[in-house]
Amino acid sequence: MPGFEKTYPADLPPTRGHFPGNPIIPGAWLLADALATVAGEFGWALGACTVKNAKFLSPARPGERVQIEYTLGSPDSLKLECTVNGSTVLSAQVTCPQSPTAA
């Protein structure tokens, strides 16, 4: 699967309050960022997406390297998998109407 690697900083705003002294990256934020990363790679402007399924299997923490892998299905279908140190933290299938971004 093609993909990207991201390391989220310790001061990432969404981690505030998730959880004091033991911060994690909120799953919904991780899913949204993974979608935005893939969309940016292809120059897509995403419309409203439908999450067909999403499983958050273990936490991702600030400072950890997150591997974001994706598979394109039908024109509007995308499968995402995020891992940290080989362990899956997010697995999702999403449909998103897409169109090229304006130049």
PDB file of N, CA and C in Angstrom:
ATOM      1  N   MET A   1       0.842  -1.183   0.000  1.00  0.00           N
ATOM      2  CA  MET A   1       0.000   0.000   0.000  1.00  0.00           C
ATOM      3  C   MET A   1       0.885   1.244   0.000  1.00  0.00           C
ATOM      4  N   PRO A   2       0.564   2.229  -0.831  1.00  0.00           N
ATOM      5  CA  PRO A   2       1.303   3.488  -0.757  1.00  0.00           C
ATOM      6  C   PRO A   2       0.974   4.208   0.547  1.00  0.00           C
ATOM      7  N   GLY A   3       1.829   5.131   0.928  1.00  0.00           N
ATOM      8  CA  GLY A   3       1.528   5.829   2.165  1.00  0.00           C
ATOM      9  C   GLY A   3       2.482   6.954   2.499  1.00  0.00           C
ATOM     10  N   PHE A   4       2.324   7.420   3.710  1.00  0.00           N
ATOM     11  CA  PHE A   4       3.076   8.553   4.245  1.00  0.00           C
ATOM     12  C   PHE A   4       3.477   8.236   5.673  1.00  0.00           C
ATOM     13  N   GLU A   5       4.432   8.994   6.166  1.00  0.00           N
ATOM     14  CA  GLU A   5       4.817   8.889   7.571  1.00  0.00           C
ATOM     15  C   GLU A   5       4.721  10.281   8.181  1.00  0.00           C
ATOM     16  N   LYS A   6       4.091  10.354   9.346  1.00  0.00           N
ATOM     17  CA  LYS A   6       3.956  11.639  10.038  1.00  0.00           C
ATOM     18  C   LYS A   6       4.313  11.445  11.509  1.00  0.00           C
ATOM     19  N   THR A   7       4.952  12.457  12.063  1.00  0.00           N
ATOM     20  CA  THR A   7       5.192  12.507  13.499  1.00  0.00           C
ATOM     21  C   THR A   7       4.484  13.750  14.007  1.00  0.00           C
ATOM     22  N   TYR A   8       3.536  13.549  14.909  1.00  0.00           N
ATOM     23  CA  TYR A   8       2.757  14.660  15.443  1.00  0.00           C
ATOM     24  C   TYR A   8       3.465  15.238  16.658  1.00  0.00           C
ATOM     25  N   PRO A   9       3.564  16.571  16.747  1.00  0.00           N
ATOM     26  CA  PRO A   9       4.304  17.206  17.833  1.00  0.00           C
ATOM     27  C   PRO A   9       3.611  17.056  19.190  1.00  0.00           C
ATOM     28  N   ALA A  10       4.404  17.170  20.236  1.00  0.00           N
ATOM     29  CA  ALA A  10       3.884  17.050  21.600  1.00  0.00           C
ATOM     30  C   ALA A  10       2.858  18.129  21.923  1.00  0.00           C
ATOM     31  N   ASP A  11       2.973  19.293  21.282  1.00  0.00           N
ATOM     32  CA  ASP A  11       2.048  20.392  21.579  1.00  0.00           C
ATOM     33  C   ASP A  11       0.877  20.461  20.598  1.00  0.00           C
ATOM     34  N   LEU A  12       0.563  19.366  19.926  1.00  0.00           N
ATOM     35  CA  LEU A  12      -0.549  19.316  18.984  1.00  0.00           C
ATOM     36  C   LEU A  12      -1.840  19.694  19.705  1.00  0.00           C
ATOM     37  N   PRO A  13      -2.519  20.768  19.265  1.00  0.00           N
ATOM     38  CA  PRO A  13      -3.707  21.238  19.995  1.00  0.00           C
ATOM     39  C   PRO A  13      -4.772  20.177  20.285  1.00  0.00           C
ATOM     40  N   PRO A  14      -5.088  19.243  19.355  1.00  0.00           N
ATOM     41  CA  PRO A  14      -6.130  18.267  19.684  1.00  0.00           C
ATOM     42  C   PRO A  14      -5.792  17.329  20.847  1.00  0.00           C
ATOM     43  N   THR A  15      -4.521  17.266  21.226  1.00  0.00           N
ATOM     44  CA  THR A  15      -4.161  16.367  22.327  1.00  0.00           C
ATOM     45  C   THR A  15      -4.432  16.981  23.697  1.00  0.00           C
ATOM     46  N   ARG A  16      -4.677  18.288  23.733  1.00  0.00           N
ATOM     47  CA  ARG A  16      -4.962  18.934  25.020  1.00  0.00           C
ATOM     48  C   ARG A  16      -6.246  18.351  25.602  1.00  0.00           C
ATOM     49  N   GLY A  17      -6.142  17.809  26.784  1.00  0.00           N
ATOM     50  CA  GLY A  17      -7.295  17.206  27.436  1.00  0.00           C
ATOM     51  C   GLY A  17      -7.485  15.746  27.096  1.00  0.00           C
ATOM     52  N   HIS A  18      -6.664  15.190  26.186  1.00  0.00           N
ATOM     53  CA  HIS A  18      -6.733  13.771  25.815  1.00  0.00           C
ATOM     54  C   HIS A  18      -5.407  13.100  26.153  1.00  0.00           C
ATOM     55  N   PHE A  19      -5.026  12.846  27.190  1.00  0.00           N
ATOM     56  CA  PHE A  19      -5.478  12.953  28.566  1.00  0.00           C
ATOM     57  C   PHE A  19      -4.325  13.526  29.355  1.00  0.00           C
ATOM     58  N   PRO A  20      -4.567  14.421  30.302  1.00  0.00           N
ATOM     59  CA  PRO A  20      -3.466  15.067  31.034  1.00  0.00           C
ATOM     60  C   PRO A  20      -2.485  14.040  31.603  1.00  0.00           C
ATOM     61  N   GLY A  21      -1.227  14.235  31.297  1.00  0.00           N
ATOM     62  CA  GLY A  21      -0.177  13.346  31.781  1.00  0.00           C
ATOM     63  C   GLY A  21      -0.009  12.081  30.951  1.00  0.00           C
ATOM     64  N   ASN A  22      -0.927  11.801  30.047  1.00  0.00           N
ATOM     65  CA  ASN A  22      -0.864  10.617  29.203  1.00  0.00           C
ATOM     66  C   ASN A  22      -1.567  10.932  27.870  1.00  0.00           C
ATOM     67  N   PRO A  23      -1.037  11.912  27.100  1.00  0.00           N
ATOM     68  CA  PRO A  23      -1.754  12.395  25.920  1.00  0.00           C
ATOM     69  C   PRO A  23      -1.848  11.351  24.798  1.00  0.00           C
ATOM     70  N   ILE A  24      -2.984  11.381  24.100  1.00  0.00           N
ATOM     71  CA  ILE A  24      -3.171  10.587  22.896  1.00  0.00           C
ATOM     72  C   ILE A  24      -3.725  11.492  21.799  1.00  0.00           C
ATOM     73  N   ILE A  25      -3.544  11.066  20.577  1.00  0.00           N
ATOM     74  CA  ILE A  25      -4.116  11.798  19.447  1.00  0.00           C
ATOM     75  C   ILE A  25      -5.546  11.287  19.290  1.00  0.00           C
ATOM     76  N   PRO A  26      -6.543  12.163  19.374  1.00  0.00           N
ATOM     77  CA  PRO A  26      -7.928  11.712  19.231  1.00  0.00           C
ATOM     78  C   PRO A  26      -8.152  10.983  17.903  1.00  0.00           C
ATOM     79  N   GLY A  27      -8.875   9.876  17.963  1.00  0.00           N
ATOM     80  CA  GLY A  27      -9.093   9.055  16.774  1.00  0.00           C
ATOM     81  C   GLY A  27      -9.766   9.800  15.637  1.00  0.00           C
ATOM     82  N   ALA A  28     -10.783  10.595  15.941  1.00  0.00           N
ATOM     83  CA  ALA A  28     -11.484  11.343  14.892  1.00  0.00           C
ATOM     84  C   ALA A  28     -10.536  12.330  14.214  1.00  0.00           C
ATOM     85  N   TRP A  29      -9.663  12.940  14.990  1.00  0.00           N
ATOM     86  CA  TRP A  29      -8.702  13.879  14.418  1.00  0.00           C
ATOM     87  C   TRP A  29      -7.703  13.127  13.535  1.00  0.00           C
ATOM     88  N   LEU A  30      -7.233  11.962  14.000  1.00  0.00           N
ATOM     89  CA  LEU A  30      -6.292  11.167  13.215  1.00  0.00           C
ATOM     90  C   LEU A  30      -6.923  10.750  11.887  1.00  0.00           C
ATOM     91  N   LEU A  31      -8.176  10.320  11.913  1.00  0.00           N
ATOM     92  CA  LEU A  31      -8.880   9.939  10.682  1.00  0.00           C
ATOM     93  C   LEU A  31      -8.993  11.135   9.740  1.00  0.00           C
ATOM     94  N   ALA A  32      -9.399  12.284  10.249  1.00  0.00           N
ATOM     95  CA  ALA A  32      -9.539  13.480   9.415  1.00  0.00           C
ATOM     96  C   ALA A  32      -8.197  13.903   8.821  1.00  0.00           C
ATOM     97  N   ASP A  33      -7.134  13.825   9.608  1.00  0.00           N
ATOM     98  CA  ASP A  33      -5.814  14.218   9.112  1.00  0.00           C
ATOM     99  C   ASP A  33      -5.311  13.231   8.061  1.00  0.00           C
ATOM    100  N   ALA A  34      -5.541  11.948   8.261  1.00  0.00           N
ATOM    101  CA  ALA A  34      -5.139  10.946   7.273  1.00  0.00           C
ATOM    102  C   ALA A  34      -5.862  11.193   5.947  1.00  0.00           C
ATOM    103  N   LEU A  35      -7.167  11.474   6.009  1.00  0.00           N
ATOM    104  CA  LEU A  35      -7.934  11.789   4.792  1.00  0.00           C
ATOM    105  C   LEU A  35      -7.378  13.031   4.102  1.00  0.00           C
ATOM    106  N   ALA A  36      -7.103  14.071   4.874  1.00  0.00           N
ATOM    107  CA  ALA A  36      -6.569  15.311   4.317  1.00  0.00           C
ATOM    108  C   ALA A  36      -5.198  15.086   3.677  1.00  0.00           C
ATOM    109  N   THR A  37      -4.385  14.242   4.284  1.00  0.00           N
ATOM    110  CA  THR A  37      -3.058  13.949   3.751  1.00  0.00           C
ATOM    111  C   THR A  37      -3.164  13.265   2.393  1.00  0.00           C
ATOM    112  N   VAL A  38      -4.018  12.254   2.300  1.00  0.00           N
ATOM    113  CA  VAL A  38      -4.200  11.547   1.031  1.00  0.00           C
ATOM    114  C   VAL A  38      -4.807  12.491  -0.014  1.00  0.00           C
ATOM    115  N   ALA A  39      -5.815  13.264   0.365  1.00  0.00           N
ATOM    116  CA  ALA A  39      -6.453  14.203  -0.559  1.00  0.00           C
ATOM    117  C   ALA A  39      -5.434  15.205  -1.099  1.00  0.00           C
ATOM    118  N   GLY A  40      -4.567  15.698  -0.230  1.00  0.00           N
ATOM    119  CA  GLY A  40      -3.535  16.639  -0.652  1.00  0.00           C
ATOM    120  C   GLY A  40      -2.573  16.037  -1.657  1.00  0.00           C
ATOM    121  N   GLU A  41      -2.259  14.781  -1.487  1.00  0.00           N
ATOM    122  CA  GLU A  41      -1.355  14.088  -2.412  1.00  0.00           C
ATOM    123  C   GLU A  41      -1.932  14.046  -3.826  1.00  0.00           C
ATOM    124  N   PHE A  42      -3.240  13.856  -3.931  1.00  0.00           N
ATOM    125  CA  PHE A  42      -3.880  13.735  -5.231  1.00  0.00           C
ATOM    126  C   PHE A  42      -4.487  15.040  -5.734  1.00  0.00           C
ATOM    127  N   GLY A  43      -4.407  16.107  -4.951  1.00  0.00           N
ATOM    128  CA  GLY A  43      -4.991  17.373  -5.359  1.00  0.00           C
ATOM    129  C   GLY A  43      -6.505  17.349  -5.339  1.00  0.00           C
ATOM    130  N   TRP A  44      -7.072  16.573  -4.429  1.00  0.00           N
ATOM    131  CA  TRP A  44      -8.524  16.470  -4.312  1.00  0.00           C
ATOM    132  C   TRP A  44      -9.064  17.517  -3.360  1.00  0.00           C
ATOM    133  N   ALA A  45     -10.214  18.047  -3.698  1.00  0.00           N
ATOM    134  CA  ALA A  45     -10.999  18.842  -2.766  1.00  0.00           C
ATOM    135  C   ALA A  45     -12.109  17.911  -2.305  1.00  0.00           C
ATOM    136  N   LEU A  46     -12.069  17.500  -1.063  1.00  0.00           N
ATOM    137  CA  LEU A  46     -13.040  16.534  -0.562  1.00  0.00           C
ATOM    138  C   LEU A  46     -14.356  17.194  -0.203  1.00  0.00           C
ATOM    139  N   GLY A  47     -15.432  16.553  -0.593  1.00  0.00           N
ATOM    140  CA  GLY A  47     -16.757  16.968  -0.147  1.00  0.00           C
ATOM    141  C   GLY A  47     -17.047  16.274   1.174  1.00  0.00           C
ATOM    142  N   ALA A  48     -18.298  16.154   1.492  1.00  0.00           N
ATOM    143  CA  ALA A  48     -18.694  15.454   2.716  1.00  0.00           C
ATOM    144  C   ALA A  48     -18.390  13.971   2.545  1.00  0.00           C
ATOM    145  N   CYS A  49     -17.626  13.422   3.462  1.00  0.00           N
ATOM    146  CA  CYS A  49     -17.251  12.014   3.402  1.00  0.00           C
ATOM    147  C   CYS A  49     -18.180  11.181   4.274  1.00  0.00           C
ATOM    148  N   THR A  50     -18.320   9.933   3.896  1.00  0.00           N
ATOM    149  CA  THR A  50     -19.087   8.977   4.688  1.00  0.00           C
ATOM    150  C   THR A  50     -18.130   7.918   5.193  1.00  0.00           C
ATOM    151  N   VAL A  51     -18.064   7.756   6.493  1.00  0.00           N
ATOM    152  CA  VAL A  51     -17.215   6.727   7.083  1.00  0.00           C
ATOM    153  C   VAL A  51     -18.032   5.435   7.101  1.00  0.00           C
ATOM    154  N   LYS A  52     -17.633   4.484   6.261  1.00  0.00           N
ATOM    155  CA  LYS A  52     -18.352   3.210   6.198  1.00  0.00           C
ATOM    156  C   LYS A  52     -18.063   2.390   7.448  1.00  0.00           C
ATOM    157  N   ASN A  53     -16.809   2.409   7.875  1.00  0.00           N
ATOM    158  CA  ASN A  53     -16.426   1.807   9.150  1.00  0.00           C
ATOM    159  C   ASN A  53     -15.076   2.360   9.566  1.00  0.00           C
ATOM    160  N   ALA A  54     -14.875   2.408  10.853  1.00  0.00           N
ATOM    161  CA  ALA A  54     -13.602   2.860  11.413  1.00  0.00           C
ATOM    162  C   ALA A  54     -13.380   2.137  12.724  1.00  0.00           C
ATOM    163  N   LYS A  55     -12.186   1.620  12.876  1.00  0.00           N
ATOM    164  CA  LYS A  55     -11.820   0.942  14.117  1.00  0.00           C
ATOM    165  C   LYS A  55     -10.557   1.606  14.653  1.00  0.00           C
ATOM    166  N   PHE A  56     -10.635   2.003  15.904  1.00  0.00           N
ATOM    167  CA  PHE A  56      -9.494   2.610  16.589  1.00  0.00           C
ATOM    168  C   PHE A  56      -8.989   1.559  17.562  1.00  0.00           C
ATOM    169  N   LEU A  57      -7.908   0.883  17.184  1.00  0.00           N
ATOM    170  CA  LEU A  57      -7.482  -0.325  17.884  1.00  0.00           C
ATOM    171  C   LEU A  57      -6.516  -0.091  19.031  1.00  0.00           C
ATOM    172  N   SER A  58      -5.771   0.975  18.973  1.00  0.00           N
ATOM    173  CA  SER A  58      -4.884   1.354  20.077  1.00  0.00           C
ATOM    174  C   SER A  58      -4.532   2.824  19.889  1.00  0.00           C
ATOM    175  N   PRO A  59      -4.087   3.478  20.947  1.00  0.00           N
ATOM    176  CA  PRO A  59      -3.827   4.920  20.828  1.00  0.00           C
ATOM    177  C   PRO A  59      -2.534   5.240  20.081  1.00  0.00           C
ATOM    178  N   ALA A  60      -2.564   6.382  19.407  1.00  0.00           N
ATOM    179  CA  ALA A  60      -1.356   6.985  18.856  1.00  0.00           C
ATOM    180  C   ALA A  60      -1.038   8.174  19.756  1.00  0.00           C
ATOM    181  N   ARG A  61       0.228   8.359  20.039  1.00  0.00           N
ATOM    182  CA  ARG A  61       0.646   9.399  20.967  1.00  0.00           C
ATOM    183  C   ARG A  61       1.527  10.432  20.269  1.00  0.00           C
ATOM    184  N   PRO A  62       1.484  11.661  20.757  1.00  0.00           N
ATOM    185  CA  PRO A  62       2.378  12.683  20.198  1.00  0.00           C
ATOM    186  C   PRO A  62       3.825  12.203  20.275  1.00  0.00           C
ATOM    187  N   GLY A  63       4.581  12.488  19.226  1.00  0.00           N
ATOM    188  CA  GLY A  63       5.985  12.089  19.167  1.00  0.00           C
ATOM    189  C   GLY A  63       6.210  10.747  18.499  1.00  0.00           C
ATOM    190  N   GLU A  64       5.169   9.937  18.354  1.00  0.00           N
ATOM    191  CA  GLU A  64       5.307   8.651  17.678  1.00  0.00           C
ATOM    192  C   GLU A  64       5.191   8.840  16.172  1.00  0.00           C
ATOM    193  N   ARG A  65       5.912   8.000  15.424  1.00  0.00           N
ATOM    194  CA  ARG A  65       5.801   8.037  13.964  1.00  0.00           C
ATOM    195  C   ARG A  65       4.590   7.205  13.552  1.00  0.00           C
ATOM    196  N   VAL A  66       3.674   7.853  12.862  1.00  0.00           N
ATOM    197  CA  VAL A  66       2.455   7.205  12.394  1.00  0.00           C
ATOM    198  C   VAL A  66       2.599   6.947  10.896  1.00  0.00           C
ATOM    199  N   GLN A  67       2.475   5.689  10.503  1.00  0.00           N
ATOM    200  CA  GLN A  67       2.465   5.310   9.090  1.00  0.00           C
ATOM    201  C   GLN A  67       1.015   5.378   8.615  1.00  0.00           C
ATOM    202  N   ILE A  68       0.760   6.145   7.580  1.00  0.00           N
ATOM    203  CA  ILE A  68      -0.571   6.268   6.992  1.00  0.00           C
ATOM    204  C   ILE A  68      -0.516   5.591   5.628  1.00  0.00           C
ATOM    205  N   GLU A  69      -1.210   4.468   5.504  1.00  0.00           N
ATOM    206  CA  GLU A  69      -1.250   3.750   4.240  1.00  0.00           C
ATOM    207  C   GLU A  69      -2.671   3.794   3.695  1.00  0.00           C
ATOM    208  N   TYR A  70      -2.805   3.751   2.379  1.00  0.00           N
ATOM    209  CA  TYR A  70      -4.125   3.850   1.777  1.00  0.00           C
ATOM    210  C   TYR A  70      -4.214   2.972   0.539  1.00  0.00           C
ATOM    211  N   THR A  71      -5.440   2.596   0.216  1.00  0.00           N
ATOM    212  CA  THR A  71      -5.760   1.876  -1.008  1.00  0.00           C
ATOM    213  C   THR A  71      -6.970   2.550  -1.620  1.00  0.00           C
ATOM    214  N   LEU A  72      -6.864   2.877  -2.893  1.00  0.00           N
ATOM    215  CA  LEU A  72      -7.996   3.460  -3.605  1.00  0.00           C
ATOM    216  C   LEU A  72      -8.849   2.331  -4.161  1.00  0.00           C
ATOM    217  N   GLY A  73     -10.149   2.407  -3.909  1.00  0.00           N
ATOM    218  CA  GLY A  73     -11.085   1.428  -4.449  1.00  0.00           C
ATOM    219  C   GLY A  73     -11.767   2.028  -5.657  1.00  0.00           C
ATOM    220  N   SER A  74     -13.087   2.045  -5.643  1.00  0.00           N
ATOM    221  CA  SER A  74     -13.840   2.709  -6.700  1.00  0.00           C
ATOM    222  C   SER A  74     -13.468   4.192  -6.665  1.00  0.00           C
ATOM    223  N   PRO A  75     -13.923   4.965  -7.628  1.00  0.00           N
ATOM    224  CA  PRO A  75     -13.500   6.368  -7.669  1.00  0.00           C
ATOM    225  C   PRO A  75     -13.716   7.144  -6.369  1.00  0.00           C
ATOM    226  N   ASP A  76     -14.693   6.763  -5.580  1.00  0.00           N
ATOM    227  CA  ASP A  76     -14.966   7.503  -4.343  1.00  0.00           C
ATOM    228  C   ASP A  76     -14.610   6.724  -3.077  1.00  0.00           C
ATOM    229  N   SER A  77     -13.986   5.567  -3.225  1.00  0.00           N
ATOM    230  CA  SER A  77     -13.741   4.695  -2.076  1.00  0.00           C
ATOM    231  C   SER A  77     -12.259   4.693  -1.691  1.00  0.00           C
ATOM    232  N   LEU A  78     -12.012   4.734  -0.404  1.00  0.00           N
ATOM    233  CA  LEU A  78     -10.652   4.794   0.112  1.00  0.00           C
ATOM    234  C   LEU A  78     -10.556   3.939   1.367  1.00  0.00           C
ATOM    235  N   LYS A  79      -9.537   3.123   1.436  1.00  0.00           N
ATOM    236  CA  LYS A  79      -9.262   2.343   2.644  1.00  0.00           C
ATOM    237  C   LYS A  79      -8.007   2.924   3.276  1.00  0.00           C
ATOM    238  N   LEU A  80      -8.073   3.208   4.562  1.00  0.00           N
ATOM    239  CA  LEU A  80      -6.942   3.770   5.300  1.00  0.00           C
ATOM    240  C   LEU A  80      -6.505   2.816   6.402  1.00  0.00           C
ATOM    241  N   GLU A  81      -5.207   2.795   6.637  1.00  0.00           N
ATOM    242  CA  GLU A  81      -4.690   2.074   7.794  1.00  0.00           C
ATOM    243  C   GLU A  81      -3.532   2.883   8.360  1.00  0.00           C
ATOM    244  N   CYS A  82      -3.605   3.152   9.652  1.00  0.00           N
ATOM    245  CA  CYS A  82      -2.534   3.871  10.341  1.00  0.00           C
ATOM    246  C   CYS A  82      -1.904   2.918  11.347  1.00  0.00           C
ATOM    247  N   THR A  83      -0.588   2.896  11.358  1.00  0.00           N
ATOM    248  CA  THR A  83       0.125   2.035  12.295  1.00  0.00           C
ATOM    249  C   THR A  83       1.190   2.828  13.035  1.00  0.00           C
ATOM    250  N   VAL A  84       1.515   2.351  14.225  1.00  0.00           N
ATOM    251  CA  VAL A  84       2.624   2.875  15.019  1.00  0.00           C
ATOM    252  C   VAL A  84       3.450   1.670  15.442  1.00  0.00           C
ATOM    253  N   ASN A  85       4.712   1.661  15.077  1.00  0.00           N
ATOM    254  CA  ASN A  85       5.606   0.549  15.412  1.00  0.00           C
ATOM    255  C   ASN A  85       5.024  -0.797  15.006  1.00  0.00           C
ATOM    256  N   GLY A  86       4.379  -0.845  13.835  1.00  0.00           N
ATOM    257  CA  GLY A  86       3.818  -2.080  13.316  1.00  0.00           C
ATOM    258  C   GLY A  86       2.457  -2.469  13.875  1.00  0.00           C
ATOM    259  N   SER A  87       1.951  -1.739  14.852  1.00  0.00           N
ATOM    260  CA  SER A  87       0.634  -2.027  15.424  1.00  0.00           C
ATOM    261  C   SER A  87      -0.407  -1.093  14.814  1.00  0.00           C
ATOM    262  N   THR A  88      -1.525  -1.663  14.398  1.00  0.00           N
ATOM    263  CA  THR A  88      -2.580  -0.862  13.798  1.00  0.00           C
ATOM    264  C   THR A  88      -3.263  -0.016  14.858  1.00  0.00           C
ATOM    265  N   VAL A  89      -3.346   1.289  14.601  1.00  0.00           N
ATOM    266  CA  VAL A  89      -4.060   2.201  15.499  1.00  0.00           C
ATOM    267  C   VAL A  89      -5.389   2.641  14.891  1.00  0.00           C
ATOM    268  N   LEU A  90      -5.500   2.597  13.552  1.00  0.00           N
ATOM    269  CA  LEU A  90      -6.718   3.008  12.868  1.00  0.00           C
ATOM    270  C   LEU A  90      -6.865   2.202  11.592  1.00  0.00           C
ATOM    271  N   SER A  91      -8.060   1.678  11.390  1.00  0.00           N
ATOM    272  CA  SER A  91      -8.415   1.014  10.151  1.00  0.00           C
ATOM    273  C   SER A  91      -9.774   1.562   9.749  1.00  0.00           C
ATOM    274  N   ALA A  92      -9.892   2.059   8.502  1.00  0.00           N
ATOM    275  CA  ALA A  92     -11.146   2.701   8.107  1.00  0.00           C
ATOM    276  C   ALA A  92     -11.404   2.525   6.619  1.00  0.00           C
ATOM    277  N   GLN A  93     -12.692   2.518   6.271  1.00  0.00           N
ATOM    278  CA  GLN A  93     -13.137   2.578   4.890  1.00  0.00           C
ATOM    279  C   GLN A  93     -14.040   3.795   4.770  1.00  0.00           C
ATOM    280  N   VAL A  94     -13.755   4.616   3.773  1.00  0.00           N
ATOM    281  CA  VAL A  94     -14.434   5.899   3.633  1.00  0.00           C
ATOM    282  C   VAL A  94     -14.834   6.099   2.173  1.00  0.00           C
ATOM    283  N   THR A  95     -15.986   6.704   1.956  1.00  0.00           N
ATOM    284  CA  THR A  95     -16.343   7.163   0.617  1.00  0.00           C
ATOM    285  C   THR A  95     -16.382   8.688   0.660  1.00  0.00           C
ATOM    286  N   CYS A  96     -15.765   9.298  -0.336  1.00  0.00           N
ATOM    287  CA  CYS A  96     -15.666  10.755  -0.386  1.00  0.00           C
ATOM    288  C   CYS A  96     -15.854  11.239  -1.818  1.00  0.00           C
ATOM    289  N   PRO A  97     -16.875  12.053  -2.050  1.00  0.00           N
ATOM    290  CA  PRO A  97     -16.950  12.705  -3.356  1.00  0.00           C
ATOM    291  C   PRO A  97     -15.713  13.591  -3.498  1.00  0.00           C
ATOM    292  N   GLN A  98     -15.080  13.545  -4.627  1.00  0.00           N
ATOM    293  CA  GLN A  98     -13.849  14.306  -4.792  1.00  0.00           C
ATOM    294  C   GLN A  98     -13.848  15.012  -6.141  1.00  0.00           C
ATOM    295  N   SER A  99     -13.121  16.076  -6.177  1.00  0.00           N
ATOM    296  CA  SER A  99     -12.942  16.794  -7.422  1.00  0.00           C
ATOM    297  C   SER A  99     -11.565  17.438  -7.371  1.00  0.00           C
ATOM    298  N   PRO A 100     -10.952  17.655  -8.536  1.00  0.00           N
ATOM    299  CA  PRO A 100      -9.639  18.307  -8.517  1.00  0.00           C
ATOM    300  C   PRO A 100      -9.757  19.700  -7.894  1.00  0.00           C
ATOM    301  N   THR A 101      -8.737  20.088  -7.146  1.00  0.00           N
ATOM    302  CA  THR A 101      -8.731  21.430  -6.582  1.00  0.00           C
ATOM    303  C   THR A 101      -8.471  22.436  -7.687  1.00  0.00           C
ATOM    304  N   ALA A 102      -8.932  23.626  -7.487  1.00  0.00           N
ATOM    305  CA  ALA A 102      -8.700  24.696  -8.461  1.00  0.00           C
ATOM    306  C   ALA A 102      -7.235  25.111  -8.435  1.00  0.00           C
ATOM    307  N   ALA A 103      -6.682  25.372  -9.556  1.00  0.00           N
ATOM    308  CA  ALA A 103      -5.269  25.768  -9.629  1.00  0.00           C
ATOM    309  C   ALA A 103      -5.117  27.247  -9.384  1.00  0.00           C
TER     310      ALA A 103
END
